[in-house]
Amino acid sequence: MKSLLYLITIITLLFACNPTAELKNEQPPEKTPVENKTDYIYEATYLDQFKMGNPENVLLVQKMHELILSKQFDEVYGLFSDSVVFRNGDGSTTEGLAAVKEVMETVYSKLTFENYRVGVNLAVTGDNGDEWVLLWDGVDILSQDGKRTSELYMEAFFIVDGKIALINQFAKPNL
């Protein structure tokens, strides 16, 4: 009797699993944006629904880093708007293309950047049309006097008309 019950259970399981069913080549349904019904405690500038942005903006930011690392500063300048603003990782601000050129030629030119690594590159566009690239990266820096440091960054790049208009940077030592 136990054998018969065991055999019936196995046959039932086999039919329930339906191993001969054809696999359907269905595409997952397109995701629709989720309506944000959250009542936030604090009002923020960008509480709207972001969507993934233009991947060309990520390429623009990566090109900027590539040119800085190879000290091709004249080519870097063409990636910035004339009124570009750098909110630097040390808390200082550099405003305007002329000021950025001075920093690159007097400070960046004396540094050697090594072991550049990127953790995250995200291009996002807000409902208001603002285009950003969000970046988490790190680099080892060798100063002219031989001192080596390693920095981790969180950077936000505001892109306007295909140019970098603002860089907001937070930096900390990589211990």
Protein backbone atom coordinates (compact mmCIF):
# COMPACT_ATOMS: atom_id res chain seq x y z
CA MET A 1 0.00 0.00 0.00
CA LYS A 2 2.83 2.38 0.86
CA SER A 3 4.42 1.69 -2.51
CA LEU A 4 1.21 2.53 -4.32
CA LEU A 5 0.78 5.76 -2.36
CA TYR A 6 4.43 6.65 -3.04
CA LEU A 7 4.00 5.99 -6.80
CA ILE A 8 0.82 8.11 -6.99
CA THR A 9 2.59 10.98 -5.20
CA ILE A 10 5.52 10.90 -7.65
CA ILE A 11 3.22 10.80 -10.71
CA THR A 12 1.15 13.68 -9.29
CA LEU A 13 4.30 15.74 -8.71
CA LEU A 14 5.56 15.08 -12.21
CA PHE A 15 2.31 16.23 -13.78
CA ALA A 16 2.08 19.21 -11.43
CA CYS A 17 5.55 20.37 -12.43
CA ASN A 18 4.63 19.91 -16.09
CA PRO A 19 8.18 19.48 -17.40
CA THR A 20 6.95 19.18 -20.99
CA ALA A 21 5.34 22.61 -21.05
CA GLU A 22 6.81 24.90 -23.69
CA LEU A 23 8.80 27.86 -22.53
CA LYS A 24 7.30 31.09 -23.73
CA ASN A 25 9.56 33.81 -25.08
CA GLU A 26 7.74 36.66 -23.40
CA GLN A 27 9.23 40.06 -22.67
CA PRO A 28 8.71 41.35 -19.15
CA PRO A 29 6.10 44.08 -18.98
CA GLU A 30 7.49 47.60 -19.30
CA LYS A 31 7.93 49.18 -15.91
CA THR A 32 5.86 52.25 -15.32
CA PRO A 33 7.17 55.00 -13.08
CA VAL A 34 6.00 54.69 -9.51
CA GLU A 35 3.99 57.61 -8.27
CA ASN A 36 5.68 59.09 -5.23
CA LYS A 37 3.11 59.38 -2.49
CA THR A 38 5.67 59.85 0.26
CA ASP A 39 5.19 62.81 2.56
CA TYR A 40 8.80 63.84 3.08
CA ILE A 41 9.87 65.57 6.26
CA TYR A 42 12.16 68.04 4.48
CA GLU A 43 11.56 69.74 1.14
CA ALA A 44 14.48 69.19 -1.23
CA THR A 45 15.37 70.81 -4.51
CA TYR A 46 15.24 67.46 -6.30
CA LEU A 47 12.45 65.38 -4.81
CA ASP A 48 10.96 64.69 -8.21
CA GLN A 49 11.02 61.36 -9.99
CA PHE A 50 14.34 60.81 -11.69
CA LYS A 51 14.77 58.62 -14.72
CA MET A 52 17.93 57.23 -16.22
CA GLY A 53 19.53 59.95 -18.30
CA ASN A 54 21.59 60.27 -21.45
CA PRO A 55 24.55 57.84 -21.44
CA GLU A 56 26.47 60.36 -23.57
CA ASN A 57 26.67 62.52 -20.43
CA VAL A 58 28.52 59.71 -18.64
CA LEU A 59 30.89 59.52 -21.59
CA LEU A 60 31.46 63.30 -21.34
CA VAL A 61 32.45 63.00 -17.67
CA GLN A 62 34.65 59.97 -18.34
CA LYS A 63 36.37 61.85 -21.17
CA MET A 64 37.01 64.76 -18.78
CA HIS A 65 38.68 62.41 -16.30
CA GLU A 66 40.71 60.71 -19.02
CA LEU A 67 42.02 64.07 -20.26
CA ILE A 68 42.83 65.33 -16.76
CA LEU A 69 44.67 62.12 -15.89
CA SER A 70 46.78 62.46 -19.04
CA LYS A 71 47.25 66.21 -18.45
CA GLN A 72 45.64 67.22 -21.76
CA PHE A 73 44.20 70.33 -20.17
CA ASP A 74 43.60 72.31 -23.37
CA GLU A 75 41.20 69.60 -24.50
CA VAL A 76 39.50 69.46 -21.09
CA TYR A 77 38.51 73.12 -21.27
CA GLY A 78 36.28 72.49 -24.28
CA LEU A 79 34.11 70.18 -22.15
CA PHE A 80 33.16 72.99 -19.74
CA SER A 81 30.70 75.85 -20.10
CA ASP A 82 32.26 79.33 -19.88
CA SER A 83 30.56 79.85 -16.52
CA VAL A 84 31.52 76.44 -15.08
CA VAL A 85 31.58 76.16 -11.28
CA PHE A 86 33.70 73.67 -9.33
CA ARG A 87 32.56 73.10 -5.74
CA ASN A 88 35.76 71.35 -4.73
CA GLY A 89 36.16 68.48 -2.32
CA ASP A 90 38.14 70.68 0.07
CA GLY A 91 35.22 73.11 0.45
CA SER A 92 36.56 75.80 -1.87
CA THR A 93 34.78 77.01 -5.00
CA THR A 94 36.30 77.79 -8.39
CA GLU A 95 34.06 79.84 -10.69
CA GLY A 96 34.42 80.48 -14.40
CA LEU A 97 36.51 78.87 -17.09
CA ALA A 98 39.47 81.24 -16.59
CA ALA A 99 39.71 80.31 -12.89
CA VAL A 100 39.40 76.58 -13.69
CA LYS A 101 42.22 76.91 -16.23
CA GLU A 102 44.44 78.55 -13.61
CA VAL A 103 43.82 75.76 -11.09
CA MET A 104 44.49 73.04 -13.63
CA GLU A 105 47.67 74.67 -14.89
CA THR A 106 49.09 75.57 -11.47
CA VAL A 107 47.82 72.72 -9.26
CA TYR A 108 46.75 69.73 -11.34
CA SER A 109 49.81 69.96 -13.59
CA LYS A 110 52.08 69.38 -10.57
CA LEU A 111 50.24 66.23 -9.46
CA THR A 112 50.42 62.71 -10.79
CA PHE A 113 47.13 60.83 -10.73
CA GLU A 114 47.38 57.03 -10.58
CA ASN A 115 45.08 54.06 -10.15
CA TYR A 116 41.91 55.92 -11.10
CA ARG A 117 38.88 53.74 -10.41
CA VAL A 118 35.16 54.24 -10.83
CA GLY A 119 32.55 52.58 -8.65
CA VAL A 120 29.39 54.14 -10.06
CA ASN A 121 28.46 56.28 -13.10
CA LEU A 122 24.79 57.21 -13.36
CA ALA A 123 23.23 59.62 -15.80
CA VAL A 124 19.92 60.88 -14.44
CA THR A 125 17.34 63.37 -15.64
CA GLY A 126 14.83 64.99 -13.32
CA ASP A 127 11.22 65.69 -14.22
CA ASN A 128 12.29 69.32 -14.59
CA GLY A 129 14.70 68.32 -17.39
CA ASP A 130 17.93 68.87 -15.41
CA GLU A 131 20.63 66.44 -16.51
CA TRP A 132 23.16 65.11 -14.02
CA VAL A 133 25.91 62.51 -13.88
CA LEU A 134 26.43 61.01 -10.43
CA LEU A 135 29.82 59.46 -9.86
CA TRP A 136 31.62 57.62 -7.08
CA ASP A 137 35.31 57.27 -7.83
CA GLY A 138 38.77 57.23 -6.33
CA VAL A 139 42.33 58.06 -7.28
CA ASP A 140 45.84 57.90 -5.85
CA ILE A 141 47.68 61.21 -5.96
CA LEU A 142 51.44 61.70 -6.03
CA SER A 143 52.55 65.24 -5.23
CA GLN A 144 55.64 66.91 -6.63
CA ASP A 145 57.48 66.32 -3.33
CA GLY A 146 56.76 62.57 -3.48
CA LYS A 147 53.92 62.46 -0.96
CA ARG A 148 51.29 59.85 -1.88
CA THR A 149 47.64 60.08 -0.86
CA SER A 150 44.51 58.24 -1.89
CA GLU A 151 41.14 59.99 -2.21
CA LEU A 152 37.56 58.81 -2.55
CA TYR A 153 35.04 61.11 -4.22
CA MET A 154 31.32 61.52 -4.64
CA GLU A 155 30.75 63.87 -7.53
CA ALA A 156 27.71 65.33 -9.23
CA PHE A 157 28.07 66.89 -12.67
CA PHE A 158 25.35 69.23 -13.93
CA ILE A 159 25.24 69.05 -17.72
CA VAL A 160 23.79 71.92 -19.78
CA ASP A 161 23.73 71.82 -23.59
CA GLY A 162 26.32 69.02 -23.70
CA LYS A 163 28.82 70.86 -21.47
CA ILE A 164 29.76 70.48 -17.82
CA ALA A 165 28.29 73.51 -16.03
CA LEU A 166 28.81 72.47 -12.40
CA ILE A 167 30.86 69.93 -10.51
CA ASN A 168 29.88 69.33 -6.90
CA GLN A 169 32.51 67.24 -5.16
CA PHE A 170 32.83 65.57 -1.78
CA ALA A 171 36.20 64.01 -1.01
CA LYS A 172 37.68 62.02 1.84
CA PRO A 173 40.96 60.23 2.32
CA ASN A 174 40.92 56.55 1.42
CA LEU A 175 42.33 55.10 4.61
